[in-house]
Amino acid sequence: MLKIKVEELGNVIIMHLTGKLFLESLNDLTYKWEVMVQKRPCVIAINCANLESIDSSSIGTLVKFFNEAMSKDIQLVFYDLNASI
């Protein structure tokens, strides 16, 4: 199960992911992504410090997020990835 917490700091939005990012979590993740993008921040940062595992469908979704961020001139940053991810 994935827990998603969104934090807004001015023109930066941080999404904290906790747990396992699998296909079953993608609807919630995508919805929260769309809400963040509509706010037009300069930076969206995704904190992966507490992300335990990720499947290939989720990696594809993150690539889609990256492409969308680039097209909207939003800097997307993934940080605190553990070695297994």
Protein backbone atom coordinates (compact mmCIF):
# COMPACT_ATOMS: atom_id res chain seq x y z
CA MET A 1 0.00 0.00 0.00
CA LEU A 2 1.19 3.52 -0.84
CA LYS A 3 0.73 6.60 1.31
CA ILE A 4 1.02 9.96 -0.45
CA LYS A 5 1.49 13.26 1.36
CA VAL A 6 1.66 16.54 -0.57
CA GLU A 7 3.36 19.60 0.89
CA GLU A 8 3.34 23.05 -0.71
CA LEU A 9 6.22 25.45 -0.05
CA GLY A 10 5.64 28.52 -2.15
CA ASN A 11 6.35 27.67 -5.77
CA VAL A 12 7.64 24.20 -4.84
CA ILE A 13 5.43 21.17 -4.25
CA ILE A 14 6.84 18.12 -2.50
CA MET A 15 5.18 14.73 -2.81
CA HIS A 16 6.25 12.28 -0.09
CA LEU A 17 5.80 8.60 -1.03
CA THR A 18 5.70 5.94 1.67
CA GLY A 19 5.29 2.21 1.06
CA LYS A 20 5.05 0.24 -2.17
CA LEU A 21 4.33 1.91 -5.49
CA PHE A 22 2.47 -0.68 -7.55
CA LEU A 23 -0.18 -0.69 -10.26
CA GLU A 24 -2.98 -0.58 -7.67
CA SER A 25 -1.75 2.83 -6.41
CA LEU A 26 -1.48 4.56 -9.77
CA ASN A 27 -5.00 6.03 -9.90
CA ASP A 28 -4.46 7.90 -6.63
CA LEU A 29 -0.94 8.92 -7.59
CA THR A 30 -2.07 10.19 -11.01
CA TYR A 31 -4.95 12.16 -9.49
CA LYS A 32 -2.62 13.88 -7.01
CA TRP A 33 -0.12 14.56 -9.81
CA GLU A 34 -2.81 16.25 -11.93
CA VAL A 35 -3.85 18.47 -9.00
CA MET A 36 -0.21 19.50 -8.44
CA VAL A 37 0.44 20.26 -12.12
CA GLN A 38 -2.67 22.46 -12.33
CA LYS A 39 -1.09 24.74 -9.71
CA ARG A 40 1.82 25.44 -12.11
CA PRO A 41 4.69 25.23 -9.61
CA CYS A 42 8.29 25.83 -10.68
CA VAL A 43 9.39 22.57 -9.05
CA ILE A 44 7.73 19.31 -8.12
CA ALA A 45 9.95 17.23 -5.86
CA ILE A 46 9.19 13.59 -5.14
CA ASN A 47 10.63 12.34 -1.86
CA CYS A 48 11.39 8.63 -2.22
CA ALA A 49 13.11 8.13 1.16
CA ASN A 50 10.32 5.88 2.42
CA LEU A 51 9.51 4.19 -0.88
CA GLU A 52 10.03 0.46 -0.34
CA SER A 53 9.53 -0.90 -3.87
CA ILE A 54 8.18 -0.02 -7.29
CA ASP A 55 6.87 -2.06 -10.23
CA SER A 56 7.40 -1.50 -13.96
CA SER A 57 3.94 0.04 -14.50
CA SER A 58 4.75 2.65 -11.89
CA ILE A 59 8.11 3.43 -13.50
CA GLY A 60 6.25 4.02 -16.77
CA THR A 61 3.89 6.41 -15.00
CA LEU A 62 6.80 8.33 -13.48
CA VAL A 63 8.34 8.66 -16.96
CA LYS A 64 5.00 10.02 -18.17
CA PHE A 65 5.06 12.53 -15.30
CA PHE A 66 8.60 13.55 -16.27
CA ASN A 67 7.60 14.15 -19.89
CA GLU A 68 4.55 16.16 -18.86
CA ALA A 69 6.59 18.27 -16.44
CA MET A 70 9.13 19.03 -19.16
CA SER A 71 6.39 20.08 -21.58
CA LYS A 72 4.94 22.47 -18.96
CA ASP A 73 8.33 23.89 -17.92
CA ILE A 74 8.12 22.34 -14.45
CA GLN A 75 11.31 20.96 -12.96
CA LEU A 76 10.72 17.43 -11.63
CA VAL A 77 13.14 16.15 -9.01
CA PHE A 78 13.28 12.68 -7.45
CA TYR A 79 15.33 12.52 -4.29
CA ASP A 80 16.43 10.16 -1.53
CA LEU A 81 16.07 7.06 -3.69
CA ASN A 82 17.41 3.98 -1.96
CA ALA A 83 19.87 1.68 -3.72
CA SER A 84 17.34 -1.05 -4.51
CA ILE A 85 15.06 1.39 -6.35
